[in-house]
N, C-alpha and C. Protein backbone atom coordinates (compact mmCIF):
# COMPACT_ATOMS: atom_id res chain seq x y z
N MET A 1 0.11 11.87 -9.50
CA MET A 1 -0.70 11.07 -8.60
C MET A 1 -1.93 10.54 -9.30
N ALA A 2 -2.36 11.21 -10.33
CA ALA A 2 -3.61 10.84 -10.99
C ALA A 2 -3.55 9.45 -11.61
N GLY A 3 -2.37 8.97 -11.96
CA GLY A 3 -2.26 7.69 -12.64
C GLY A 3 -2.24 6.48 -11.72
N TYR A 4 -2.27 6.68 -10.43
CA TYR A 4 -2.17 5.55 -9.51
C TYR A 4 -3.54 5.01 -9.17
N THR A 5 -3.70 3.71 -9.35
CA THR A 5 -4.98 3.07 -9.06
C THR A 5 -5.10 2.74 -7.59
N ARG A 6 -6.29 2.40 -7.20
CA ARG A 6 -6.59 1.99 -5.83
C ARG A 6 -5.71 0.81 -5.42
N ASN A 7 -5.67 -0.21 -6.28
CA ASN A 7 -4.89 -1.41 -5.95
C ASN A 7 -3.40 -1.12 -5.88
N PHE A 8 -2.91 -0.26 -6.76
CA PHE A 8 -1.50 0.08 -6.73
C PHE A 8 -1.14 0.75 -5.41
N LEU A 9 -1.94 1.72 -4.98
CA LEU A 9 -1.65 2.42 -3.73
C LEU A 9 -1.75 1.49 -2.52
N ILE A 10 -2.69 0.58 -2.55
CA ILE A 10 -2.80 -0.41 -1.47
C ILE A 10 -1.57 -1.31 -1.46
N ASP A 11 -1.11 -1.73 -2.64
CA ASP A 11 0.10 -2.55 -2.72
C ASP A 11 1.31 -1.81 -2.17
N VAL A 12 1.42 -0.52 -2.48
CA VAL A 12 2.53 0.29 -1.96
C VAL A 12 2.46 0.34 -0.43
N ALA A 13 1.28 0.60 0.10
CA ALA A 13 1.13 0.66 1.56
C ALA A 13 1.52 -0.66 2.20
N LEU A 14 1.09 -1.76 1.62
CA LEU A 14 1.41 -3.07 2.18
C LEU A 14 2.89 -3.40 2.02
N HIS A 15 3.49 -2.95 0.95
CA HIS A 15 4.91 -3.22 0.70
C HIS A 15 5.79 -2.61 1.78
N ARG A 16 5.36 -1.49 2.31
CA ARG A 16 6.16 -0.83 3.35
C ARG A 16 6.40 -1.74 4.55
N TYR A 17 5.54 -2.74 4.73
CA TYR A 17 5.64 -3.61 5.90
C TYR A 17 5.99 -5.04 5.54
N HIS A 18 6.45 -5.28 4.32
CA HIS A 18 6.72 -6.65 3.88
C HIS A 18 7.83 -7.33 4.68
N ILE A 19 8.70 -6.57 5.27
CA ILE A 19 9.81 -7.16 6.02
C ILE A 19 9.35 -7.77 7.35
N LEU A 20 8.11 -7.59 7.72
CA LEU A 20 7.62 -8.13 8.98
C LEU A 20 7.34 -9.62 8.91
N ASN A 21 7.39 -10.21 7.72
CA ASN A 21 7.15 -11.65 7.53
C ASN A 21 5.84 -12.10 8.17
N LEU A 22 4.77 -11.44 7.79
CA LEU A 22 3.46 -11.78 8.32
C LEU A 22 2.94 -13.05 7.69
N SER A 23 2.09 -13.75 8.42
CA SER A 23 1.46 -14.95 7.88
C SER A 23 0.47 -14.53 6.79
N ALA A 24 0.04 -15.50 6.00
CA ALA A 24 -0.92 -15.23 4.92
C ALA A 24 -2.22 -14.66 5.49
N GLU A 25 -2.63 -15.17 6.63
CA GLU A 25 -3.85 -14.67 7.28
C GLU A 25 -3.70 -13.21 7.70
N GLU A 26 -2.56 -12.88 8.29
CA GLU A 26 -2.31 -11.50 8.71
C GLU A 26 -2.23 -10.57 7.51
N GLN A 27 -1.61 -11.05 6.42
CA GLN A 27 -1.52 -10.25 5.20
C GLN A 27 -2.91 -9.97 4.65
N ALA A 28 -3.79 -10.97 4.67
CA ALA A 28 -5.15 -10.79 4.17
C ALA A 28 -5.90 -9.77 5.03
N LYS A 29 -5.70 -9.84 6.33
CA LYS A 29 -6.35 -8.87 7.23
C LYS A 29 -5.84 -7.46 6.96
N ASP A 30 -4.53 -7.33 6.75
CA ASP A 30 -3.96 -6.02 6.46
C ASP A 30 -4.50 -5.46 5.15
N ARG A 31 -4.62 -6.31 4.13
CA ARG A 31 -5.17 -5.87 2.85
C ARG A 31 -6.61 -5.40 3.04
N ALA A 32 -7.40 -6.17 3.80
CA ALA A 32 -8.79 -5.79 4.04
C ALA A 32 -8.87 -4.44 4.77
N ARG A 33 -7.98 -4.23 5.73
CA ARG A 33 -7.95 -2.94 6.45
C ARG A 33 -7.59 -1.80 5.51
N CYS A 34 -6.62 -2.05 4.65
CA CYS A 34 -6.23 -1.00 3.68
C CYS A 34 -7.37 -0.70 2.72
N GLU A 35 -8.04 -1.73 2.25
CA GLU A 35 -9.16 -1.52 1.33
C GLU A 35 -10.28 -0.74 2.01
N PHE A 36 -10.58 -1.09 3.25
CA PHE A 36 -11.60 -0.37 4.01
C PHE A 36 -11.22 1.10 4.18
N THR A 37 -9.98 1.34 4.57
CA THR A 37 -9.50 2.70 4.79
C THR A 37 -9.58 3.51 3.50
N TYR A 38 -9.14 2.92 2.40
CA TYR A 38 -9.18 3.62 1.11
C TYR A 38 -10.63 3.96 0.74
N ASP A 39 -11.51 2.98 0.87
CA ASP A 39 -12.91 3.19 0.50
C ASP A 39 -13.60 4.23 1.39
N LYS A 40 -13.26 4.22 2.66
CA LYS A 40 -13.91 5.14 3.59
C LYS A 40 -13.39 6.57 3.48
N TYR A 41 -12.07 6.73 3.32
CA TYR A 41 -11.47 8.05 3.39
C TYR A 41 -11.00 8.61 2.05
N GLY A 42 -10.89 7.78 1.03
CA GLY A 42 -10.45 8.27 -0.28
C GLY A 42 -8.95 8.23 -0.45
N LYS A 43 -8.54 8.53 -1.66
CA LYS A 43 -7.13 8.40 -2.06
C LYS A 43 -6.19 9.29 -1.24
N ASP A 44 -6.52 10.55 -1.09
CA ASP A 44 -5.59 11.47 -0.42
C ASP A 44 -5.40 11.15 1.06
N LYS A 45 -6.49 10.92 1.77
CA LYS A 45 -6.38 10.58 3.19
C LYS A 45 -5.73 9.21 3.37
N PHE A 46 -6.01 8.27 2.47
CA PHE A 46 -5.37 6.96 2.54
C PHE A 46 -3.86 7.12 2.46
N ARG A 47 -3.41 7.91 1.51
CA ARG A 47 -1.96 8.13 1.37
C ARG A 47 -1.38 8.76 2.62
N GLU A 48 -2.11 9.68 3.21
CA GLU A 48 -1.64 10.34 4.43
C GLU A 48 -1.60 9.34 5.59
N TYR A 49 -2.68 8.62 5.80
CA TYR A 49 -2.78 7.70 6.93
C TYR A 49 -1.80 6.54 6.84
N THR A 50 -1.49 6.08 5.63
CA THR A 50 -0.61 4.92 5.47
C THR A 50 0.81 5.31 5.07
N CYS A 51 1.09 6.59 5.05
CA CYS A 51 2.42 7.11 4.72
C CYS A 51 2.90 6.65 3.35
N VAL A 52 2.01 6.68 2.37
CA VAL A 52 2.39 6.36 1.01
C VAL A 52 2.95 7.65 0.40
N THR A 53 4.25 7.81 0.56
CA THR A 53 4.95 9.00 0.10
C THR A 53 5.50 8.75 -1.30
N PRO A 54 5.95 9.81 -1.97
CA PRO A 54 6.60 9.59 -3.26
C PRO A 54 7.79 8.62 -3.16
N GLN A 55 8.53 8.69 -2.06
CA GLN A 55 9.66 7.77 -1.87
C GLN A 55 9.17 6.33 -1.72
N ALA A 56 8.08 6.12 -1.02
CA ALA A 56 7.52 4.77 -0.87
C ALA A 56 7.09 4.23 -2.23
N ILE A 57 6.54 5.09 -3.07
CA ILE A 57 6.14 4.66 -4.41
C ILE A 57 7.36 4.29 -5.24
N ARG A 58 8.41 5.11 -5.18
CA ARG A 58 9.66 4.78 -5.90
C ARG A 58 10.25 3.47 -5.41
N ASP A 59 10.26 3.26 -4.10
CA ASP A 59 10.79 2.02 -3.54
C ASP A 59 10.00 0.81 -4.03
N TYR A 60 8.68 0.94 -4.05
CA TYR A 60 7.83 -0.16 -4.51
C TYR A 60 8.08 -0.46 -5.99
N LYS A 61 8.18 0.58 -6.81
CA LYS A 61 8.45 0.38 -8.23
C LYS A 61 9.80 -0.29 -8.44
N ALA A 62 10.81 0.12 -7.69
CA ALA A 62 12.13 -0.50 -7.80
C ALA A 62 12.07 -1.96 -7.38
N TYR A 63 11.33 -2.24 -6.33
CA TYR A 63 11.15 -3.62 -5.87
C TYR A 63 10.49 -4.47 -6.94
N GLN A 64 9.47 -3.93 -7.60
CA GLN A 64 8.76 -4.66 -8.64
C GLN A 64 9.67 -4.99 -9.82
N LYS A 65 10.59 -4.11 -10.14
CA LYS A 65 11.52 -4.35 -11.24
C LYS A 65 12.48 -5.50 -10.93
N ASN A 66 12.77 -5.69 -9.65
CA ASN A 66 13.75 -6.69 -9.24
C ASN A 66 13.14 -8.01 -8.83
N VAL A 67 11.84 -8.12 -8.90
CA VAL A 67 11.19 -9.37 -8.48
C VAL A 67 11.14 -10.33 -9.64
């Protein structure tokens, strides 16, 4: 877990909901909410609150390889 940056974990959290086809404005709002949550509660609570599990991280990494 030590190697994951703030932006990486935020990207993982947002990736979990990419299938919702949100508008660019909604995506920006979601990113701002994730950034606020991370800054306020820290890495561990952010992962808990946004369900960034090891499986979610593996899924995101696999997605990045195929993009």
